[in-house]
PDB file of N, CA and C in Angstrom:
ATOM      1  N   UNK A   1      33.251   8.132 -30.061  1.00  0.00           N
ATOM      2  CA  UNK A   1      33.715   9.235 -28.928  1.00  0.00           C
ATOM      3  C   UNK A   1      34.983   8.518 -28.485  1.00  0.00           C
ATOM      4  N   UNK A   2      35.959   9.522 -28.095  1.00  0.00           N
ATOM      5  CA  UNK A   2      37.319   9.250 -28.145  1.00  0.00           C
ATOM      6  C   UNK A   2      38.054  10.187 -26.776  1.00  0.00           C
ATOM      7  N   UNK A   3      38.986   9.786 -26.385  1.00  0.00           N
ATOM      8  CA  UNK A   3      39.701  10.455 -25.240  1.00  0.00           C
ATOM      9  C   UNK A   3      40.627  11.019 -25.800  1.00  0.00           C
ATOM     10  N   UNK A   4      41.169  12.341 -25.294  1.00  0.00           N
ATOM     11  CA  UNK A   4      42.198  12.974 -25.793  1.00  0.00           C
ATOM     12  C   UNK A   4      43.171  13.549 -24.256  1.00  0.00           C
ATOM     13  N   UNK A   5      44.246  13.741 -24.503  1.00  0.00           N
ATOM     14  CA  UNK A   5      45.207  14.488 -23.284  1.00  0.00           C
ATOM     15  C   UNK A   5      45.269  15.810 -24.106  1.00  0.00           C
ATOM     16  N   UNK A   6      45.066  16.779 -23.233  1.00  0.00           N
ATOM     17  CA  UNK A   6      45.640  18.071 -23.599  1.00  0.00           C
ATOM     18  C   UNK A   6      46.355  18.961 -22.539  1.00  0.00           C
ATOM     19  N   UNK A   7      47.415  18.927 -23.166  1.00  0.00           N
ATOM     20  CA  UNK A   7      48.551  19.851 -22.361  1.00  0.00           C
ATOM     21  C   UNK A   7      48.826  21.180 -22.592  1.00  0.00           C
ATOM     22  N   UNK A   8      48.421  22.098 -21.522  1.00  0.00           N
ATOM     23  CA  UNK A   8      48.406  23.526 -21.600  1.00  0.00           C
ATOM     24  C   UNK A   8      49.664  23.788 -21.152  1.00  0.00           C
ATOM     25  N   UNK A   9      50.521  24.637 -21.991  1.00  0.00           N
ATOM     26  CA  UNK A   9      51.838  25.209 -21.579  1.00  0.00           C
ATOM     27  C   UNK A   9      51.502  26.750 -21.705  1.00  0.00           C
ATOM     28  N   UNK A  10      52.236  26.864 -20.343  1.00  0.00           N
ATOM     29  CA  UNK A  10      52.150  28.652 -19.886  1.00  0.00           C
ATOM     30  C   UNK A  10      53.128  29.314 -20.964  1.00  0.00           C
ATOM     31  N   UNK A  11      53.333  30.614 -20.365  1.00  0.00           N
ATOM     32  CA  UNK A  11      53.779  31.714 -21.348  1.00  0.00           C
ATOM     33  C   UNK A  11      55.436  31.656 -21.256  1.00  0.00           C
ATOM     34  N   UNK A  12      55.438  31.255 -19.746  1.00  0.00           N
ATOM     35  CA  UNK A  12      57.102  30.690 -19.344  1.00  0.00           C
ATOM     36  C   UNK A  12      57.225  29.850 -18.468  1.00  0.00           C
ATOM     37  N   UNK A  13      58.443  29.727 -18.042  1.00  0.00           N
ATOM     38  CA  UNK A  13      58.764  28.514 -17.409  1.00  0.00           C
ATOM     39  C   UNK A  13      58.651  28.741 -15.862  1.00  0.00           C
ATOM     40  N   UNK A  14      58.352  29.970 -15.612  1.00  0.00           N
ATOM     41  CA  UNK A  14      58.174  30.306 -14.303  1.00  0.00           C
ATOM     42  C   UNK A  14      56.599  30.491 -13.690  1.00  0.00           C
ATOM     43  N   UNK A  15      55.701  30.343 -14.970  1.00  0.00           N
ATOM     44  CA  UNK A  15      54.200  30.328 -14.705  1.00  0.00           C
ATOM     45  C   UNK A  15      53.726  29.190 -13.843  1.00  0.00           C
ATOM     46  N   UNK A  16      52.916  29.008 -13.078  1.00  0.00           N
ATOM     47  CA  UNK A  16      52.252  30.087 -12.471  1.00  0.00           C
ATOM     48  C   UNK A  16      52.747  31.143 -11.217  1.00  0.00           C
ATOM     49  N   UNK A  17      53.964  30.914 -10.960  1.00  0.00           N
ATOM     50  CA  UNK A  17      54.019  31.357  -9.572  1.00  0.00           C
ATOM     51  C   UNK A  17      54.239  32.879  -9.748  1.00  0.00           C
ATOM     52  N   UNK A  18      54.405  33.596 -10.816  1.00  0.00           N
ATOM     53  CA  UNK A  18      54.910  34.779 -11.167  1.00  0.00           C
ATOM     54  C   UNK A  18      53.657  35.245 -12.125  1.00  0.00           C
ATOM     55  N   UNK A  19      52.608  34.969 -11.755  1.00  0.00           N
ATOM     56  CA  UNK A  19      51.478  35.658 -12.708  1.00  0.00           C
ATOM     57  C   UNK A  19      51.093  37.017 -12.607  1.00  0.00           C
ATOM     58  N   UNK A  20      50.790  37.799 -13.588  1.00  0.00           N
ATOM     59  CA  UNK A  20      50.484  39.279 -13.413  1.00  0.00           C
ATOM     60  C   UNK A  20      48.893  39.362 -13.779  1.00  0.00           C
ATOM     61  N   UNK A  21      48.469  40.528 -13.531  1.00  0.00           N
ATOM     62  CA  UNK A  21      47.237  40.638 -13.149  1.00  0.00           C
ATOM     63  C   UNK A  21      46.122  40.429 -14.450  1.00  0.00           C
ATOM     64  N   UNK A  22      46.669  40.199 -15.517  1.00  0.00           N
ATOM     65  CA  UNK A  22      45.965  39.938 -16.983  1.00  0.00           C
ATOM     66  C   UNK A  22      46.044  38.275 -16.829  1.00  0.00           C
ATOM     67  N   UNK A  23      46.911  37.686 -16.248  1.00  0.00           N
ATOM     68  CA  UNK A  23      47.164  36.332 -16.407  1.00  0.00           C
ATOM     69  C   UNK A  23      46.431  35.614 -15.277  1.00  0.00           C
ATOM     70  N   UNK A  24      46.285  36.290 -14.137  1.00  0.00           N
ATOM     71  CA  UNK A  24      45.384  36.004 -13.193  1.00  0.00           C
ATOM     72  C   UNK A  24      43.702  36.122 -13.575  1.00  0.00           C
ATOM     73  N   UNK A  25      43.466  36.901 -14.192  1.00  0.00           N
ATOM     74  CA  UNK A  25      42.279  37.041 -14.804  1.00  0.00           C
ATOM     75  C   UNK A  25      41.524  36.272 -15.844  1.00  0.00           C
ATOM     76  N   UNK A  26      42.743  35.895 -16.782  1.00  0.00           N
ATOM     77  CA  UNK A  26      42.145  34.694 -17.579  1.00  0.00           C
ATOM     78  C   UNK A  26      42.602  33.502 -16.853  1.00  0.00           C
ATOM     79  N   UNK A  27      42.989  33.282 -15.922  1.00  0.00           N
ATOM     80  CA  UNK A  27      43.293  32.100 -15.359  1.00  0.00           C
ATOM     81  C   UNK A  27      41.649  31.805 -14.524  1.00  0.00           C
ATOM     82  N   UNK A  28      41.265  32.814 -14.083  1.00  0.00           N
ATOM     83  CA  UNK A  28      40.103  32.667 -13.514  1.00  0.00           C
ATOM     84  C   UNK A  28      38.649  32.037 -14.262  1.00  0.00           C
ATOM     85  N   UNK A  29      38.903  33.157 -15.419  1.00  0.00           N
ATOM     86  CA  UNK A  29      38.161  32.439 -16.705  1.00  0.00           C
ATOM     87  C   UNK A  29      38.306  30.907 -16.902  1.00  0.00           C
ATOM     88  N   UNK A  30      39.851  30.938 -16.964  1.00  0.00           N
ATOM     89  CA  UNK A  30      40.124  29.307 -17.660  1.00  0.00           C
ATOM     90  C   UNK A  30      39.558  28.298 -16.657  1.00  0.00           C
ATOM     91  N   UNK A  31      39.485  28.454 -15.208  1.00  0.00           N
ATOM     92  CA  UNK A  31      38.871  27.515 -14.480  1.00  0.00           C
ATOM     93  C   UNK A  31      37.644  27.366 -14.613  1.00  0.00           C
ATOM     94  N   UNK A  32      36.807  28.672 -14.594  1.00  0.00           N
ATOM     95  CA  UNK A  32      35.298  28.668 -14.805  1.00  0.00           C
ATOM     96  C   UNK A  32      34.820  27.653 -16.203  1.00  0.00           C
ATOM     97  N   UNK A  33      35.498  28.135 -17.202  1.00  0.00           N
ATOM     98  CA  UNK A  33      35.553  27.026 -18.675  1.00  0.00           C
ATOM     99  C   UNK A  33      35.543  25.848 -18.380  1.00  0.00           C
ATOM    100  N   UNK A  34      36.583  25.468 -17.764  1.00  0.00           N
ATOM    101  CA  UNK A  34      37.023  23.780 -17.594  1.00  0.00           C
ATOM    102  C   UNK A  34      36.027  23.481 -16.332  1.00  0.00           C
ATOM    103  N   UNK A  35      35.470  24.215 -15.348  1.00  0.00           N
ATOM    104  CA  UNK A  35      34.596  23.559 -14.618  1.00  0.00           C
ATOM    105  C   UNK A  35      33.280  23.145 -15.429  1.00  0.00           C
ATOM    106  N   UNK A  36      32.585  24.484 -16.582  1.00  0.00           N
ATOM    107  CA  UNK A  36      31.722  23.938 -17.208  1.00  0.00           C
ATOM    108  C   UNK A  36      31.758  22.770 -17.947  1.00  0.00           C
ATOM    109  N   UNK A  37      32.987  22.639 -18.463  1.00  0.00           N
ATOM    110  CA  UNK A  37      33.246  21.394 -19.694  1.00  0.00           C
ATOM    111  C   UNK A  37      33.034  20.063 -18.760  1.00  0.00           C
ATOM    112  N   UNK A  38      33.829  20.182 -17.292  1.00  0.00           N
ATOM    113  CA  UNK A  38      33.403  18.892 -16.619  1.00  0.00           C
ATOM    114  C   UNK A  38      31.889  18.522 -16.122  1.00  0.00           C
ATOM    115  N   UNK A  39      31.000  19.830 -16.015  1.00  0.00           N
ATOM    116  CA  UNK A  39      29.574  19.334 -15.652  1.00  0.00           C
ATOM    117  C   UNK A  39      29.226  18.787 -16.835  1.00  0.00           C
ATOM    118  N   UNK A  40      29.299  19.137 -17.783  1.00  0.00           N
ATOM    119  CA  UNK A  40      28.674  18.692 -19.244  1.00  0.00           C
ATOM    120  C   UNK A  40      29.382  17.630 -19.707  1.00  0.00           C
ATOM    121  N   UNK A  41      30.049  17.219 -18.833  1.00  0.00           N
ATOM    122  CA  UNK A  41      30.791  15.766 -19.120  1.00  0.00           C
ATOM    123  C   UNK A  41      31.466  15.667 -20.254  1.00  0.00           C
ATOM    124  N   UNK A  42      31.959  16.714 -20.633  1.00  0.00           N
ATOM    125  CA  UNK A  42      33.102  16.646 -21.686  1.00  0.00           C
ATOM    126  C   UNK A  42      34.421  16.743 -21.055  1.00  0.00           C
ATOM    127  N   UNK A  43      34.521  17.324 -20.302  1.00  0.00           N
ATOM    128  CA  UNK A  43      35.925  17.057 -19.432  1.00  0.00           C
ATOM    129  C   UNK A  43      35.928  15.894 -18.095  1.00  0.00           C
ATOM    130  N   UNK A  44      37.022  15.106 -18.441  1.00  0.00           N
ATOM    131  CA  UNK A  44      36.678  13.830 -17.387  1.00  0.00           C
ATOM    132  C   UNK A  44      37.823  14.325 -16.293  1.00  0.00           C
ATOM    133  N   UNK A  45      38.831  14.960 -16.580  1.00  0.00           N
ATOM    134  CA  UNK A  45      39.958  15.289 -15.624  1.00  0.00           C
ATOM    135  C   UNK A  45      40.574  16.648 -15.980  1.00  0.00           C
ATOM    136  N   UNK A  46      40.636  17.499 -14.942  1.00  0.00           N
ATOM    137  CA  UNK A  46      41.465  18.660 -15.260  1.00  0.00           C
ATOM    138  C   UNK A  46      42.242  19.190 -14.066  1.00  0.00           C
ATOM    139  N   UNK A  47      43.580  19.455 -14.509  1.00  0.00           N
ATOM    140  CA  UNK A  47      44.210  20.219 -13.173  1.00  0.00           C
ATOM    141  C   UNK A  47      45.527  20.804 -13.538  1.00  0.00           C
ATOM    142  N   UNK A  48      46.350  21.342 -12.797  1.00  0.00           N
ATOM    143  CA  UNK A  48      47.646  21.856 -12.806  1.00  0.00           C
ATOM    144  C   UNK A  48      48.500  20.556 -12.496  1.00  0.00           C
ATOM    145  N   UNK A  49      49.900  20.640 -13.357  1.00  0.00           N
ATOM    146  CA  UNK A  49      50.729  19.483 -12.705  1.00  0.00           C
ATOM    147  C   UNK A  49      52.055  20.093 -12.922  1.00  0.00           C
ATOM    148  N   UNK A  50      52.578  19.921 -11.461  1.00  0.00           N
ATOM    149  CA  UNK A  50      53.841  20.572 -10.742  1.00  0.00           C
ATOM    150  C   UNK A  50      55.314  19.777 -11.456  1.00  0.00           C
ATOM    151  N   UNK A  51      55.528  19.594 -12.809  1.00  0.00           N
ATOM    152  CA  UNK A  51      56.343  18.981 -13.099  1.00  0.00           C
ATOM    153  C   UNK A  51      57.796  19.361 -12.674  1.00  0.00           C
ATOM    154  N   UNK A  52      58.649  18.651 -12.240  1.00  0.00           N
ATOM    155  CA  UNK A  52      60.038  19.393 -12.198  1.00  0.00           C
ATOM    156  C   UNK A  52      60.800  20.030 -13.120  1.00  0.00           C
ATOM    157  N   UNK A  53      60.245  19.479 -14.262  1.00  0.00           N
ATOM    158  CA  UNK A  53      61.055  20.173 -15.508  1.00  0.00           C
ATOM    159  C   UNK A  53      60.214  21.678 -15.795  1.00  0.00           C
ATOM    160  N   UNK A  54      58.910  22.005 -15.187  1.00  0.00           N
ATOM    161  CA  UNK A  54      58.187  23.207 -15.325  1.00  0.00           C
ATOM    162  C   UNK A  54      56.759  22.703 -15.461  1.00  0.00           C
ATOM    163  N   UNK A  55      56.053  23.822 -14.657  1.00  0.00           N
ATOM    164  CA  UNK A  55      54.514  23.281 -14.564  1.00  0.00           C
ATOM    165  C   UNK A  55      54.032  23.536 -15.722  1.00  0.00           C
ATOM    166  N   UNK A  56      52.806  22.658 -15.933  1.00  0.00           N
ATOM    167  CA  UNK A  56      51.683  22.706 -17.086  1.00  0.00           C
ATOM    168  C   UNK A  56      50.334  22.268 -16.536  1.00  0.00           C
ATOM    169  N   UNK A  57      49.326  22.498 -17.272  1.00  0.00           N
ATOM    170  CA  UNK A  57      48.117  22.241 -17.369  1.00  0.00           C
ATOM    171  C   UNK A  57      47.917  20.832 -17.868  1.00  0.00           C
ATOM    172  N   UNK A  58      46.577  20.087 -17.426  1.00  0.00           N
ATOM    173  CA  UNK A  58      46.364  18.956 -17.794  1.00  0.00           C
ATOM    174  C   UNK A  58      45.129  18.936 -18.133  1.00  0.00           C
ATOM    175  N   UNK A  59      44.295  18.363 -19.247  1.00  0.00           N
ATOM    176  CA  UNK A  59      42.946  17.741 -19.227  1.00  0.00           C
ATOM    177  C   UNK A  59      42.951  16.583 -19.930  1.00  0.00           C
ATOM    178  N   UNK A  60      41.938  15.865 -19.511  1.00  0.00           N
ATOM    179  CA  UNK A  60      41.523  14.636 -20.240  1.00  0.00           C
ATOM    180  C   UNK A  60      40.067  14.970 -20.646  1.00  0.00           C
ATOM    181  N   UNK A  61      39.898  14.782 -21.983  1.00  0.00           N
ATOM    182  CA  UNK A  61      38.523  15.269 -22.590  1.00  0.00           C
ATOM    183  C   UNK A  61      38.021  13.940 -23.355  1.00  0.00           C
ATOM    184  N   UNK A  62      36.638  14.056 -23.231  1.00  0.00           N
ATOM    185  CA  UNK A  62      36.041  13.082 -24.121  1.00  0.00           C
ATOM    186  C   UNK A  62      34.887  13.613 -25.182  1.00  0.00           C
ATOM    187  N   UNK A  63      35.491  13.396 -26.556  1.00  0.00           N
ATOM    188  CA  UNK A  63      34.679  14.058 -27.344  1.00  0.00           C
ATOM    189  C   UNK A  63      34.632  13.006 -28.704  1.00  0.00           C
ATOM    190  N   UNK A  64      33.749  13.677 -29.655  1.00  0.00           N
ATOM    191  CA  UNK A  64      33.549  12.921 -30.762  1.00  0.00           C
ATOM    192  C   UNK A  64      34.737  12.565 -31.673  1.00  0.00           C
ATOM    193  N   UNK A  65      35.630  13.566 -31.851  1.00  0.00           N
ATOM    194  CA  UNK A  65      36.919  13.337 -32.573  1.00  0.00           C
ATOM    195  C   UNK A  65      37.879  14.641 -32.641  1.00  0.00           C
ATOM    196  N   UNK A  66      38.936  14.430 -33.188  1.00  0.00           N
ATOM    197  CA  UNK A  66      40.288  15.333 -32.359  1.00  0.00           C
ATOM    198  C   UNK A  66      39.830  16.660 -32.849  1.00  0.00           C
ATOM    199  N   UNK A  67      39.204  16.959 -34.043  1.00  0.00           N
ATOM    200  CA  UNK A  67      38.594  18.344 -34.214  1.00  0.00           C
ATOM    201  C   UNK A  67      37.580  19.115 -33.172  1.00  0.00           C
ATOM    202  N   UNK A  68      37.281  17.952 -32.374  1.00  0.00           N
ATOM    203  CA  UNK A  68      36.253  18.735 -31.218  1.00  0.00           C
ATOM    204  C   UNK A  68      37.091  18.970 -30.063  1.00  0.00           C
ATOM    205  N   UNK A  69      37.972  18.260 -29.995  1.00  0.00           N
ATOM    206  CA  UNK A  69      39.158  18.353 -28.681  1.00  0.00           C
ATOM    207  C   UNK A  69      40.048  19.590 -28.930  1.00  0.00           C
ATOM    208  N   UNK A  70      40.368  19.884 -29.982  1.00  0.00           N
ATOM    209  CA  UNK A  70      41.064  20.980 -30.839  1.00  0.00           C
ATOM    210  C   UNK A  70      40.342  22.320 -30.580  1.00  0.00           C
ATOM    211  N   UNK A  71      38.451  21.955 -30.620  1.00  0.00           N
ATOM    212  CA  UNK A  71      38.279  23.103 -30.676  1.00  0.00           C
ATOM    213  C   UNK A  71      37.964  23.786 -29.320  1.00  0.00           C
ATOM    214  N   UNK A  72      37.756  22.603 -28.156  1.00  0.00           N
ATOM    215  CA  UNK A  72      37.945  22.959 -26.964  1.00  0.00           C
ATOM    216  C   UNK A  72      39.033  23.851 -26.382  1.00  0.00           C
ATOM    217  N   UNK A  73      40.271  23.546 -27.255  1.00  0.00           N
ATOM    218  CA  UNK A  73      41.681  24.177 -26.664  1.00  0.00           C
ATOM    219  C   UNK A  73      41.253  25.382 -27.192  1.00  0.00           C
ATOM    220  N   UNK A  74      40.992  25.843 -28.515  1.00  0.00           N
ATOM    221  CA  UNK A  74      40.888  27.101 -29.072  1.00  0.00           C
ATOM    222  C   UNK A  74      39.876  27.653 -28.272  1.00  0.00           C
ATOM    223  N   UNK A  75      39.112  27.570 -27.590  1.00  0.00           N
ATOM    224  CA  UNK A  75      37.992  28.298 -27.041  1.00  0.00           C
ATOM    225  C   UNK A  75      38.255  28.546 -25.478  1.00  0.00           C
ATOM    226  N   UNK A  76      39.197  27.681 -25.008  1.00  0.00           N
ATOM    227  CA  UNK A  76      40.010  28.311 -23.842  1.00  0.00           C
ATOM    228  C   UNK A  76      40.335  29.876 -23.652  1.00  0.00           C
ATOM    229  N   UNK A  77      39.582  30.438 -22.564  1.00  0.00           N
ATOM    230  CA  UNK A  77      39.981  31.847 -22.531  1.00  0.00           C
ATOM    231  C   UNK A  77      41.315  32.419 -22.352  1.00  0.00           C
ATOM    232  N   UNK A  78      42.201  31.350 -21.978  1.00  0.00           N
ATOM    233  CA  UNK A  78      43.615  31.579 -21.986  1.00  0.00           C
ATOM    234  C   UNK A  78      44.198  31.662 -23.237  1.00  0.00           C
ATOM    235  N   UNK A  79      43.616  30.949 -24.265  1.00  0.00           N
ATOM    236  CA  UNK A  79      43.954  30.936 -25.442  1.00  0.00           C
ATOM    237  C   UNK A  79      43.550  32.295 -26.187  1.00  0.00           C
ATOM    238  N   UNK A  80      42.103  32.374 -26.328  1.00  0.00           N
ATOM    239  CA  UNK A  80      41.842  33.722 -27.005  1.00  0.00           C
ATOM    240  C   UNK A  80      42.284  35.067 -26.492  1.00  0.00           C
ATOM    241  N   UNK A  81      42.826  35.173 -25.132  1.00  0.00           N
ATOM    242  CA  UNK A  81      43.606  36.435 -24.787  1.00  0.00           C
ATOM    243  C   UNK A  81      44.924  36.725 -25.324  1.00  0.00           C
ATOM    244  N   UNK A  82      45.506  35.344 -25.818  1.00  0.00           N
ATOM    245  CA  UNK A  82      46.944  35.879 -26.704  1.00  0.00           C
ATOM    246  C   UNK A  82      47.816  36.149 -25.504  1.00  0.00           C
ATOM    247  N   UNK A  83      48.064  35.473 -24.633  1.00  0.00           N
ATOM    248  CA  UNK A  83      48.902  35.727 -23.456  1.00  0.00           C
ATOM    249  C   UNK A  83      50.130  34.931 -23.807  1.00  0.00           C
ATOM    250  N   UNK A  84      50.226  34.107 -24.612  1.00  0.00           N
ATOM    251  CA  UNK A  84      51.319  33.219 -24.890  1.00  0.00           C
ATOM    252  C   UNK A  84      51.239  31.753 -24.181  1.00  0.00           C
ATOM    253  N   UNK A  85      49.962  31.440 -24.054  1.00  0.00           N
ATOM    254  CA  UNK A  85      49.696  29.899 -23.789  1.00  0.00           C
ATOM    255  C   UNK A  85      49.567  29.220 -25.088  1.00  0.00           C
ATOM    256  N   UNK A  86      49.596  27.826 -25.055  1.00  0.00           N
ATOM    257  CA  UNK A  86      49.138  27.010 -26.140  1.00  0.00           C
ATOM    258  C   UNK A  86      49.140  25.246 -25.586  1.00  0.00           C
ATOM    259  N   UNK A  87      48.486  24.719 -26.436  1.00  0.00           N
ATOM    260  CA  UNK A  87      48.074  23.599 -26.078  1.00  0.00           C
ATOM    261  C   UNK A  87      48.671  22.555 -27.157  1.00  0.00           C
ATOM    262  N   UNK A  88      49.254  21.302 -26.301  1.00  0.00           N
ATOM    263  CA  UNK A  88      49.524  20.043 -27.302  1.00  0.00           C
ATOM    264  C   UNK A  88      48.491  18.884 -26.790  1.00  0.00           C
ATOM    265  N   UNK A  89      47.999  18.441 -27.843  1.00  0.00           N
ATOM    266  CA  UNK A  89      46.907  17.431 -27.830  1.00  0.00           C
ATOM    267  C   UNK A  89      47.592  15.935 -28.311  1.00  0.00           C
ATOM    268  N   UNK A  90      46.970  15.213 -27.781  1.00  0.00           N
ATOM    269  CA  UNK A  90      47.528  13.847 -28.228  1.00  0.00           C
ATOM    270  C   UNK A  90      46.395  12.867 -27.839  1.00  0.00           C
ATOM    271  N   UNK A  91      46.270  11.950 -28.659  1.00  0.00           N
ATOM    272  CA  UNK A  91      44.737  10.955 -28.588  1.00  0.00           C
ATOM    273  C   UNK A  91      45.248   9.796 -27.504  1.00  0.00           C
ATOM    274  N   UNK A  92      44.092   9.382 -26.887  1.00  0.00           N
ATOM    275  CA  UNK A  92      44.400   8.537 -25.899  1.00  0.00           C
ATOM    276  C   UNK A  92      43.687   7.098 -26.190  1.00  0.00           C
ATOM    277  N   UNK A  93      44.367   6.087 -26.967  1.00  0.00           N
ATOM    278  CA  UNK A  93      43.572   4.696 -27.517  1.00  0.00           C
ATOM    279  C   UNK A  93      42.672   4.010 -26.549  1.00  0.00           C
ATOM    280  N   UNK A  94      43.095   4.108 -25.425  1.00  0.00           N
ATOM    281  CA  UNK A  94      42.352   3.120 -24.502  1.00  0.00           C
ATOM    282  C   UNK A  94      42.567   3.919 -22.998  1.00  0.00           C
ATOM    283  N   UNK A  95      41.347   3.714 -22.368  1.00  0.00           N
ATOM    284  CA  UNK A  95      41.367   4.469 -21.100  1.00  0.00           C
ATOM    285  C   UNK A  95      40.677   3.593 -20.287  1.00  0.00           C
ATOM    286  N   UNK A  96      41.372   3.368 -19.019  1.00  0.00           N
ATOM    287  CA  UNK A  96      40.722   2.612 -17.912  1.00  0.00           C
ATOM    288  C   UNK A  96      40.278   3.707 -16.746  1.00  0.00           C
ATOM    289  N   UNK A  97      39.021   3.666 -16.460  1.00  0.00           N
ATOM    290  CA  UNK A  97      38.433   4.688 -15.712  1.00  0.00           C
ATOM    291  C   UNK A  97      37.753   4.314 -14.269  1.00  0.00           C
ATOM    292  N   UNK A  98      37.993   4.863 -13.215  1.00  0.00           N
ATOM    293  CA  UNK A  98      37.466   4.060 -12.129  1.00  0.00           C
ATOM    294  C   UNK A  98      35.763   4.229 -12.026  1.00  0.00           C
ATOM    295  N   UNK A  99      35.061   3.237 -11.479  1.00  0.00           N
ATOM    296  CA  UNK A  99      33.798   2.987 -11.459  1.00  0.00           C
ATOM    297  C   UNK A  99      33.270   3.437 -10.185  1.00  0.00           C
ATOM    298  N   UNK A 100      32.244   4.670  -9.996  1.00  0.00           N
ATOM    299  CA  UNK A 100      31.635   4.862  -8.763  1.00  0.00           C
ATOM    300  C   UNK A 100      30.862   4.193  -8.221  1.00  0.00           C
TER     301      UNK A 100
END
């Protein structure tokens, strides 16, 4: 098992502040998708990042390998509807997790 950082880049620099109806629907499906993956213990953390250079989404996932992490990205509803979103993926060689 390994950890991967997934960076979701929106279709334009002003997203999500000017979403159209198709994007809103896709983002609802996107949120439900990642909620399910969190419940299945594949997603460790997921959320928006309001970077001053432009907002983006992030997820940290735990999968068997990079191919499985890439498959999670490909299965995201915002990718499958072809609205201009894309993922960048990077391995996380070590991760300190808080203990509950």
